N, C-alpha and C. Protein backbone atom coordinates (compact mmCIF):
# COMPACT_ATOMS: atom_id res chain seq x y z
N MET A 1 -6.99 32.59 -30.12
CA MET A 1 -6.42 31.22 -29.00
C MET A 1 -7.50 29.71 -29.57
N ILE A 2 -7.22 29.25 -29.65
CA ILE A 2 -7.37 27.79 -30.20
C ILE A 2 -8.17 27.29 -28.41
N ARG A 3 -9.16 26.75 -28.25
CA ARG A 3 -9.57 25.31 -26.80
C ARG A 3 -9.33 24.38 -27.62
N ARG A 4 -9.20 23.12 -26.93
CA ARG A 4 -9.29 21.94 -27.04
C ARG A 4 -9.29 21.40 -26.04
N GLN A 5 -10.92 19.99 -26.42
CA GLN A 5 -11.57 19.15 -25.01
C GLN A 5 -10.61 17.69 -25.33
N LEU A 6 -10.54 16.95 -25.09
CA LEU A 6 -10.09 15.84 -24.86
C LEU A 6 -9.72 15.22 -23.40
N PHE A 7 -10.28 13.38 -23.28
CA PHE A 7 -9.49 12.28 -21.99
C PHE A 7 -8.04 12.83 -22.65
N ILE A 8 -7.81 11.95 -21.30
CA ILE A 8 -6.99 11.17 -21.49
C ILE A 8 -7.56 9.52 -21.05
N ILE A 9 -6.97 9.17 -21.60
CA ILE A 9 -6.07 7.58 -22.23
C ILE A 9 -5.32 6.46 -22.73
N ASN A 10 -4.30 7.81 -21.85
CA ASN A 10 -3.34 5.60 -20.96
C ASN A 10 -3.82 5.16 -20.32
N LYS A 11 -3.76 4.17 -19.59
CA LYS A 11 -3.57 3.52 -18.44
C LYS A 11 -2.72 4.23 -17.35
N LEU A 12 -1.53 5.12 -17.66
CA LEU A 12 -0.87 5.41 -16.06
C LEU A 12 -2.06 6.91 -16.29
N GLY A 13 -2.65 7.53 -16.78
CA GLY A 13 -2.88 9.39 -17.05
C GLY A 13 -1.37 10.02 -16.42
N LEU A 14 -1.91 11.09 -16.89
CA LEU A 14 -0.24 11.80 -16.29
C LEU A 14 0.78 11.76 -15.50
N HIS A 15 1.15 10.52 -15.72
CA HIS A 15 2.44 9.68 -14.58
C HIS A 15 3.95 10.89 -15.14
N ALA A 16 4.59 10.72 -14.11
CA ALA A 16 6.54 11.20 -14.52
C ALA A 16 6.69 11.28 -15.99
N ARG A 17 6.88 10.06 -16.85
CA ARG A 17 7.40 9.90 -18.42
C ARG A 17 6.53 10.90 -19.51
N ALA A 18 4.70 11.05 -18.69
CA ALA A 18 4.02 11.65 -20.05
C ALA A 18 3.61 12.93 -19.34
N THR A 19 3.84 13.09 -18.05
CA THR A 19 3.86 14.40 -17.87
C THR A 19 4.98 15.04 -19.01
N ALA A 20 5.83 14.23 -18.23
CA ALA A 20 7.12 14.82 -18.97
C ALA A 20 7.51 14.48 -21.03
N LYS A 21 7.04 14.45 -21.44
CA LYS A 21 6.45 14.60 -22.74
C LYS A 21 5.51 15.87 -23.57
N LEU A 22 4.48 15.42 -21.89
CA LEU A 22 3.93 17.03 -23.06
C LEU A 22 4.37 18.04 -22.64
N VAL A 23 4.89 18.50 -21.09
CA VAL A 23 6.07 19.43 -21.47
C VAL A 23 6.72 19.41 -22.31
N ALA A 24 7.46 18.93 -22.74
CA ALA A 24 8.48 18.93 -23.47
C ALA A 24 8.06 19.42 -25.29
N THR A 25 6.62 18.70 -25.37
CA THR A 25 6.83 18.90 -26.64
C THR A 25 5.54 20.23 -26.47
N ALA A 26 5.14 21.27 -24.73
CA ALA A 26 5.04 22.46 -25.34
C ALA A 26 6.00 23.02 -25.01
N SER A 27 6.83 22.86 -24.70
CA SER A 27 8.22 23.68 -24.67
C SER A 27 8.70 23.80 -25.93
N ALA A 28 8.27 23.01 -26.68
CA ALA A 28 8.19 23.76 -28.41
C ALA A 28 8.30 24.85 -28.43
N HIS A 29 7.20 24.63 -28.70
CA HIS A 29 6.08 25.30 -28.97
C HIS A 29 6.17 27.74 -28.29
N GLN A 30 6.47 28.77 -29.00
CA GLN A 30 5.99 29.49 -28.56
C GLN A 30 4.70 29.97 -28.18
N SER A 31 3.84 29.72 -28.50
CA SER A 31 2.45 30.03 -28.26
C SER A 31 2.73 29.86 -26.68
N LYS A 32 2.10 30.89 -25.91
CA LYS A 32 1.28 30.15 -23.99
C LYS A 32 0.25 29.60 -24.48
N ILE A 33 0.85 28.48 -24.14
CA ILE A 33 -0.31 27.00 -23.78
C ILE A 33 -0.83 27.00 -22.20
N ARG A 34 -2.25 26.08 -21.79
CA ARG A 34 -2.03 25.54 -20.59
C ARG A 34 -3.32 25.24 -20.70
N ILE A 35 -3.58 23.41 -19.58
CA ILE A 35 -3.98 22.75 -19.52
C ILE A 35 -4.85 23.24 -18.67
N ALA A 36 -6.23 22.46 -18.76
CA ALA A 36 -7.22 22.52 -17.63
C ALA A 36 -7.89 21.24 -17.48
N GLY A 37 -8.09 21.17 -15.90
CA GLY A 37 -8.44 19.69 -15.90
C GLY A 37 -8.75 19.51 -13.94
N LYS A 38 -9.86 19.55 -14.08
CA LYS A 38 -10.64 19.02 -12.37
C LYS A 38 -10.28 20.58 -11.78
N GLY A 39 -10.97 21.72 -11.89
CA GLY A 39 -11.30 22.23 -12.07
C GLY A 39 -10.20 23.53 -11.83
N ARG A 40 -8.73 23.35 -12.78
CA ARG A 40 -8.04 23.67 -12.06
C ARG A 40 -7.15 24.33 -14.16
N GLU A 41 -5.91 24.95 -13.42
CA GLU A 41 -6.11 26.01 -15.38
C GLU A 41 -4.56 26.05 -14.67
N VAL A 42 -3.47 25.36 -15.93
CA VAL A 42 -1.89 25.36 -15.43
C VAL A 42 -0.72 25.46 -16.57
N ASP A 43 -0.12 25.91 -16.62
CA ASP A 43 1.05 26.98 -17.58
C ASP A 43 1.90 24.75 -17.84
N ALA A 44 1.75 24.43 -18.89
CA ALA A 44 1.50 23.48 -19.79
C ALA A 44 3.38 22.66 -20.11
N LYS A 45 4.21 24.23 -19.10
CA LYS A 45 5.12 24.03 -19.84
C LYS A 45 5.86 24.00 -19.35
N ASN A 46 5.37 24.04 -17.75
CA ASN A 46 6.35 23.84 -16.57
C ASN A 46 5.41 22.23 -15.43
N ILE A 47 6.84 21.57 -15.17
CA ILE A 47 6.24 20.04 -15.48
C ILE A 47 5.64 20.17 -13.62
N MET A 48 5.91 20.91 -12.79
CA MET A 48 4.95 20.15 -11.01
C MET A 48 3.82 20.94 -11.83
N GLN A 49 3.60 22.08 -12.27
CA GLN A 49 2.08 22.25 -12.26
C GLN A 49 1.31 21.06 -12.90
N VAL A 50 1.67 20.59 -14.57
CA VAL A 50 1.39 19.88 -15.17
C VAL A 50 0.96 18.41 -14.12
N MET A 51 1.58 18.05 -13.50
CA MET A 51 2.24 16.76 -12.75
C MET A 51 0.78 17.26 -11.49
N MET A 52 0.69 18.55 -11.15
CA MET A 52 -0.18 19.06 -10.11
C MET A 52 -1.60 18.58 -10.15
N LEU A 53 -2.27 18.40 -11.74
CA LEU A 53 -3.78 18.06 -11.70
C LEU A 53 -3.25 16.46 -11.84
N ALA A 54 -3.11 15.63 -11.74
CA ALA A 54 -3.05 14.10 -11.98
C ALA A 54 -4.87 13.89 -11.95
N ALA A 55 -4.14 14.04 -13.51
CA ALA A 55 -5.33 13.56 -13.81
C ALA A 55 -4.69 11.83 -14.55
N SER A 56 -6.07 11.11 -14.15
CA SER A 56 -5.86 10.04 -14.64
C SER A 56 -6.76 9.48 -15.51
N GLN A 57 -6.21 8.73 -16.14
CA GLN A 57 -6.97 7.78 -16.89
C GLN A 57 -8.75 8.14 -17.16
N GLY A 58 -9.09 8.97 -18.18
CA GLY A 58 -10.27 9.17 -18.30
C GLY A 58 -10.14 10.44 -17.84
N THR A 59 -10.09 11.09 -17.08
CA THR A 59 -9.67 12.84 -17.01
C THR A 59 -10.40 13.93 -18.68
N GLU A 60 -11.43 14.58 -17.82
CA GLU A 60 -11.27 15.32 -20.18
C GLU A 60 -9.59 16.49 -19.43
N VAL A 61 -9.98 17.03 -20.12
CA VAL A 61 -8.75 17.67 -20.47
C VAL A 61 -9.20 18.58 -21.52
N GLU A 62 -8.57 20.56 -20.86
CA GLU A 62 -8.89 21.24 -22.07
C GLU A 62 -6.90 21.47 -22.16
N LEU A 63 -6.85 21.95 -23.42
CA LEU A 63 -5.85 22.46 -24.82
C LEU A 63 -5.86 24.51 -24.50
N ILE A 64 -5.28 25.22 -24.33
CA ILE A 64 -5.79 26.41 -24.64
C ILE A 64 -4.51 26.94 -25.35
N ALA A 65 -4.16 26.95 -26.52
CA ALA A 65 -2.49 28.03 -26.48
C ALA A 65 -3.06 28.59 -27.35
N ASP A 66 -2.43 29.82 -26.59
CA ASP A 66 -2.37 31.79 -27.50
C ASP A 66 -0.98 31.59 -28.32
N GLY A 67 -1.36 32.59 -29.40
CA GLY A 67 -0.14 32.94 -29.76
C GLY A 67 0.18 31.86 -31.66
N ASP A 68 1.25 32.73 -32.04
CA ASP A 68 2.04 32.54 -33.57
C ASP A 68 2.00 31.07 -34.31
N ASP A 69 1.73 30.41 -33.49
CA ASP A 69 2.81 28.71 -33.50
C ASP A 69 0.97 28.21 -32.55
N GLU A 70 -0.34 28.48 -32.57
CA GLU A 70 -0.75 27.76 -31.52
C GLU A 70 -1.70 27.00 -32.07
N GLN A 71 -2.29 26.55 -33.79
CA GLN A 71 -2.29 25.78 -33.95
C GLN A 71 -1.96 24.56 -34.34
N GLN A 72 -0.68 24.67 -34.25
CA GLN A 72 1.14 23.96 -34.83
C GLN A 72 0.69 23.11 -33.09
N ALA A 73 0.86 24.03 -32.43
CA ALA A 73 1.15 23.79 -30.49
C ALA A 73 -0.65 22.25 -30.71
N ILE A 74 -1.37 22.59 -30.77
CA ILE A 74 -2.44 22.23 -30.56
C ILE A 74 -2.30 20.37 -30.97
N ILE A 75 -2.41 20.38 -32.55
CA ILE A 75 -1.64 19.64 -33.67
C ILE A 75 -1.25 18.28 -32.73
N ALA A 76 0.42 19.16 -31.93
CA ALA A 76 1.30 18.21 -32.13
C ALA A 76 1.04 17.64 -30.32
N LEU A 77 -0.17 18.63 -29.87
CA LEU A 77 -0.37 18.21 -27.48
C LEU A 77 -1.28 16.80 -28.44
N THR A 78 -2.18 17.19 -28.98
CA THR A 78 -3.90 16.35 -28.62
C THR A 78 -3.18 14.73 -29.19
N GLU A 79 -2.15 14.79 -30.61
CA GLU A 79 -1.60 13.56 -31.19
C GLU A 79 -0.24 13.10 -30.07
N LEU A 80 -0.62 13.59 -29.47
CA LEU A 80 0.70 13.21 -28.81
C LEU A 80 -0.21 12.55 -27.50
N ILE A 81 -1.13 13.44 -26.50
CA ILE A 81 -2.53 12.48 -25.96
C ILE A 81 -2.68 10.85 -26.42
N ASN A 82 -3.02 11.10 -27.73
CA ASN A 82 -4.48 10.41 -28.40
C ASN A 82 -3.27 9.49 -28.73
N ASP A 83 -2.25 9.46 -29.09
CA ASP A 83 -1.43 8.18 -29.43
C ASP A 83 -0.27 7.56 -27.86
N TYR A 84 -1.59 8.10 -26.90
CA TYR A 84 -1.17 6.72 -25.82
C TYR A 84 0.19 7.51 -25.10
N PHE A 85 0.90 9.07 -25.61
CA PHE A 85 1.94 9.51 -24.26
C PHE A 85 3.11 8.66 -25.22
N GLY A 86 3.63 7.86 -26.09
CA GLY A 86 4.14 6.83 -27.10
C GLY A 86 4.01 5.34 -25.87
N GLU A 87 3.63 4.88 -25.05
CA GLU A 87 3.38 4.39 -24.80
C GLU A 87 2.46 3.06 -24.23
N GLY A 88 2.33 2.61 -25.44
CA GLY A 88 1.16 2.09 -26.77
C GLY A 88 -0.67 1.41 -26.17
N GLU A 89 -0.81 2.52 -24.20
CA GLU A 89 -2.10 1.76 -23.75
C GLU A 89 -2.70 2.69 -22.98
């Protein structure tokens, strides 16, 4: 199991488009992937659960991956978040 803490840095936080990208990236991996923030932990492959986190810019989240491709999953999700979900800011 791998855990990584990071901050949501894009201007609009985990809005619909960013959440869809996060869920698609998580779903591309076989590992069980969870995201925790604001006192909740949810399935990162479930768009409704991730949206319910309502993580705005500056929110600290923890990615949790467990499975055969956990390392690749954490790297891919970290890169996505640190790239502002491909939105530029």
